C-alpha atoms as a PDB file:
ATOM      1  CA  UNK A   1     142.110-107.640 -41.627  1.00  0.00           C
ATOM      2  CA  UNK A   2     143.228-109.172 -38.360  1.00  0.00           C
ATOM      3  CA  UNK A   3     141.637-112.389 -37.141  1.00  0.00           C
ATOM      4  CA  UNK A   4     138.875-112.050 -34.555  1.00  0.00           C
ATOM      5  CA  UNK A   5     141.083-113.531 -31.809  1.00  0.00           C
ATOM      6  CA  UNK A   6     143.725-110.807 -32.297  1.00  0.00           C
ATOM      7  CA  UNK A   7     141.093-108.055 -32.297  1.00  0.00           C
ATOM      8  CA  UNK A   8     139.619-109.447 -29.076  1.00  0.00           C
ATOM      9  CA  UNK A   9     143.075-109.636 -27.490  1.00  0.00           C
ATOM     10  CA  UNK A  10     143.636-105.970 -28.417  1.00  0.00           C
ATOM     11  CA  UNK A  11     140.242-105.050 -27.016  1.00  0.00           C
ATOM     12  CA  UNK A  12     141.015-106.931 -23.794  1.00  0.00           C
ATOM     13  CA  UNK A  13     144.299-105.022 -23.512  1.00  0.00           C
ATOM     14  CA  UNK A  14     142.474-101.702 -24.039  1.00  0.00           C
ATOM     15  CA  UNK A  15     139.903-102.613 -21.380  1.00  0.00           C
ATOM     16  CA  UNK A  16     142.687-103.636 -18.988  1.00  0.00           C
ATOM     17  CA  UNK A  17     144.499-100.347 -19.556  1.00  0.00           C
ATOM     18  CA  UNK A  18     141.284 -98.402 -19.115  1.00  0.00           C
ATOM     19  CA  UNK A  19     140.622-100.140 -15.798  1.00  0.00           C
ATOM     20  CA  UNK A  20     144.158 -99.421 -14.621  1.00  0.00           C
ATOM     21  CA  UNK A  21     143.664 -95.800 -15.655  1.00  0.00           C
ATOM     22  CA  UNK A  22     140.494 -95.415 -13.623  1.00  0.00           C
ATOM     23  CA  UNK A  23     142.077 -96.990 -10.526  1.00  0.00           C
ATOM     24  CA  UNK A  24     145.217 -94.879 -10.462  1.00  0.00           C
ATOM     25  CA  UNK A  25     144.343 -91.650 -12.199  1.00  0.00           C
ATOM     26  CA  UNK A  26     146.973 -90.271 -14.539  1.00  0.00           C
ATOM     27  CA  UNK A  27     149.861 -92.330 -13.183  1.00  0.00           C
ATOM     28  CA  UNK A  28     149.368 -94.686 -16.115  1.00  0.00           C
ATOM     29  CA  UNK A  29     148.897 -94.485 -19.862  1.00  0.00           C
ATOM     30  CA  UNK A  30     145.668 -95.055 -21.740  1.00  0.00           C
ATOM     31  CA  UNK A  31     146.305 -96.262 -25.282  1.00  0.00           C
ATOM     32  CA  UNK A  32     143.354 -96.166 -27.680  1.00  0.00           C
ATOM     33  CA  UNK A  33     143.628 -97.447 -31.236  1.00  0.00           C
ATOM     34  CA  UNK A  34     141.116 -96.750 -33.970  1.00  0.00           C
ATOM     35  CA  UNK A  35     141.571 -98.359 -37.356  1.00  0.00           C
ATOM     36  CA  UNK A  36     139.764 -97.939 -40.651  1.00  0.00           C
ATOM     37  CA  UNK A  37     140.605 -98.652 -44.293  1.00  0.00           C
ATOM     38  CA  UNK A  38     142.554 -95.401 -44.747  1.00  0.00           C
ATOM     39  CA  UNK A  39     144.229 -94.743 -41.399  1.00  0.00           C
ATOM     40  CA  UNK A  40     145.216 -95.814 -37.914  1.00  0.00           C
ATOM     41  CA  UNK A  41     144.870 -93.379 -35.013  1.00  0.00           C
ATOM     42  CA  UNK A  42     146.657 -93.955 -31.713  1.00  0.00           C
ATOM     43  CA  UNK A  43     145.523 -91.743 -28.846  1.00  0.00           C
ATOM     44  CA  UNK A  44     147.773 -91.491 -25.793  1.00  0.00           C
ATOM     45  CA  UNK A  45     146.469 -90.173 -22.474  1.00  0.00           C
ATOM     46  CA  UNK A  46     148.687 -89.884 -19.401  1.00  0.00           C
ATOM     47  CA  UNK A  47     152.329 -90.768 -18.826  1.00  0.00           C
ATOM     48  CA  UNK A  48     154.429 -92.285 -21.620  1.00  0.00           C
ATOM     49  CA  UNK A  49     156.997 -93.631 -19.196  1.00  0.00           C
ATOM     50  CA  UNK A  50     158.442 -96.792 -17.703  1.00  0.00           C
ATOM     51  CA  UNK A  51     156.277 -99.872 -18.177  1.00  0.00           C
ATOM     52  CA  UNK A  52     153.674 -97.811 -20.038  1.00  0.00           C
ATOM     53  CA  UNK A  53     156.232 -96.806 -22.667  1.00  0.00           C
ATOM     54  CA  UNK A  54     157.012-100.500 -23.071  1.00  0.00           C
ATOM     55  CA  UNK A  55     153.277-101.224 -23.442  1.00  0.00           C
ATOM     56  CA  UNK A  56     153.090 -98.591 -26.203  1.00  0.00           C
ATOM     57  CA  UNK A  57     155.944-100.421 -27.926  1.00  0.00           C
ATOM     58  CA  UNK A  58     154.118-103.759 -27.634  1.00  0.00           C
ATOM     59  CA  UNK A  59     150.915-102.173 -28.917  1.00  0.00           C
ATOM     60  CA  UNK A  60     152.779-100.753 -31.915  1.00  0.00           C
ATOM     61  CA  UNK A  61     154.464-104.118 -32.573  1.00  0.00           C
ATOM     62  CA  UNK A  62     150.978-105.630 -32.796  1.00  0.00           C
ATOM     63  CA  UNK A  63     149.684-102.931 -35.153  1.00  0.00           C
ATOM     64  CA  UNK A  64     152.681-102.390 -37.440  1.00  0.00           C
ATOM     65  CA  UNK A  65     152.465-105.604 -39.506  1.00  0.00           C
ATOM     66  CA  UNK A  66     148.885-104.843 -40.557  1.00  0.00           C
ATOM     67  CA  UNK A  67     149.436-101.119 -41.243  1.00  0.00           C
ATOM     68  CA  UNK A  68     150.238-101.454 -44.936  1.00  0.00           C
ATOM     69  CA  UNK A  69     150.064 -98.039 -46.602  1.00  0.00           C
ATOM     70  CA  UNK A  70     147.549 -96.579 -44.163  1.00  0.00           C
ATOM     71  CA  UNK A  71     148.257 -93.177 -42.669  1.00  0.00           C
ATOM     72  CA  UNK A  72     149.225 -93.155 -38.977  1.00  0.00           C
ATOM     73  CA  UNK A  73     148.212 -90.391 -36.566  1.00  0.00           C
ATOM     74  CA  UNK A  74     149.426 -90.226 -32.971  1.00  0.00           C
ATOM     75  CA  UNK A  75     147.314 -87.971 -30.761  1.00  0.00           C
ATOM     76  CA  UNK A  76     149.488 -86.568 -27.962  1.00  0.00           C
ATOM     77  CA  UNK A  77     147.034 -83.886 -26.802  1.00  0.00           C
ATOM     78  CA  UNK A  78     146.332 -85.634 -23.486  1.00  0.00           C
ATOM     79  CA  UNK A  79     149.832 -86.935 -22.815  1.00  0.00           C
ATOM     80  CA  UNK A  80     151.134 -85.516 -19.534  1.00  0.00           C
ATOM     81  CA  UNK A  81     154.743 -86.746 -19.386  1.00  0.00           C
ATOM     82  CA  UNK A  82     157.285 -88.777 -21.367  1.00  0.00           C
ATOM     83  CA  UNK A  83     160.552 -90.176 -20.078  1.00  0.00           C
ATOM     84  CA  UNK A  84     163.515 -91.169 -22.268  1.00  0.00           C
ATOM     85  CA  UNK A  85     161.958 -94.578 -22.989  1.00  0.00           C
ATOM     86  CA  UNK A  86     158.693 -92.960 -24.048  1.00  0.00           C
ATOM     87  CA  UNK A  87     160.461 -90.555 -26.381  1.00  0.00           C
ATOM     88  CA  UNK A  88     162.529 -93.448 -27.782  1.00  0.00           C
ATOM     89  CA  UNK A  89     159.403 -95.520 -28.542  1.00  0.00           C
ATOM     90  CA  UNK A  90     157.658 -92.532 -30.154  1.00  0.00           C
ATOM     91  CA  UNK A  91     160.832 -91.866 -32.149  1.00  0.00           C
ATOM     92  CA  UNK A  92     160.906 -95.479 -33.389  1.00  0.00           C
ATOM     93  CA  UNK A  93     157.294 -95.279 -34.503  1.00  0.00           C
ATOM     94  CA  UNK A  94     157.751 -91.854 -36.122  1.00  0.00           C
ATOM     95  CA  UNK A  95     160.992 -92.738 -37.901  1.00  0.00           C
ATOM     96  CA  UNK A  96     159.438 -95.802 -39.530  1.00  0.00           C
ATOM     97  CA  UNK A  97     156.116 -94.176 -40.473  1.00  0.00           C
ATOM     98  CA  UNK A  98     156.425 -90.357 -40.556  1.00  0.00           C
ATOM     99  CA  UNK A  99     153.235 -90.387 -38.486  1.00  0.00           C
ATOM    100  CA  UNK A 100     151.253 -87.214 -37.975  1.00  0.00           C
ATOM    101  CA  UNK A 101     151.798 -86.070 -34.377  1.00  0.00           C
ATOM    102  CA  UNK A 102     148.756 -84.205 -33.051  1.00  0.00           C
ATOM    103  CA  UNK A 103     149.447 -81.729 -30.253  1.00  0.00           C
ATOM    104  CA  UNK A 104     147.351 -79.323 -28.226  1.00  0.00           C
ATOM    105  CA  UNK A 105     149.536 -77.773 -25.532  1.00  0.00           C
ATOM    106  CA  UNK A 106     152.990 -76.213 -25.432  1.00  0.00           C
ATOM    107  CA  UNK A 107     154.292 -79.330 -23.701  1.00  0.00           C
ATOM    108  CA  UNK A 108     152.894 -81.781 -26.266  1.00  0.00           C
ATOM    109  CA  UNK A 109     154.221 -79.561 -29.059  1.00  0.00           C
ATOM    110  CA  UNK A 110     157.657 -79.724 -27.390  1.00  0.00           C
ATOM    111  CA  UNK A 111     157.337 -83.522 -27.130  1.00  0.00           C
ATOM    112  CA  UNK A 112     156.504 -83.819 -30.838  1.00  0.00           C
ATOM    113  CA  UNK A 113     159.439 -81.555 -31.710  1.00  0.00           C
ATOM    114  CA  UNK A 114     161.750 -83.768 -29.616  1.00  0.00           C
ATOM    115  CA  UNK A 115     160.536 -86.887 -31.424  1.00  0.00           C
ATOM    116  CA  UNK A 116     161.022 -85.245 -34.828  1.00  0.00           C
ATOM    117  CA  UNK A 117     164.354 -83.644 -33.873  1.00  0.00           C
ATOM    118  CA  UNK A 118     165.689 -86.984 -32.665  1.00  0.00           C
ATOM    119  CA  UNK A 119     164.723 -88.468 -36.022  1.00  0.00           C
ATOM    120  CA  UNK A 120     166.246 -85.573 -37.971  1.00  0.00           C
ATOM    121  CA  UNK A 121     169.529 -85.749 -36.031  1.00  0.00           C
ATOM    122  CA  UNK A 122     169.952 -89.402 -37.073  1.00  0.00           C
ATOM    123  CA  UNK A 123     169.864 -88.418 -40.755  1.00  0.00           C
ATOM    124  CA  UNK A 124     172.960 -86.218 -40.434  1.00  0.00           C
END
């Protein structure tokens, strides 16, 4: 279990991102993380691009060491866009965890397929 200070820092980051989200609409990315003993769920809402893709990478870097053998799910259902950096970050997470990618629209299904295809093409 992470120390209280780290959990509070993560909570502060989530609050900061939520405030940025409400000020600018969907020009940003909301990253929500839910952890329990069996799994970690990351929910992404908005644009996985530019500085927000980098923030996803930093968020993952903070979560990864404590993941252990827990299952990882990435909920893409409310993602609206991903640039090359966003796809690269998702690919890095997926390739190291085989995370379940949850989709809900044709576009998010395409995004998940791109992340998986990028991973599969590296194996050949």
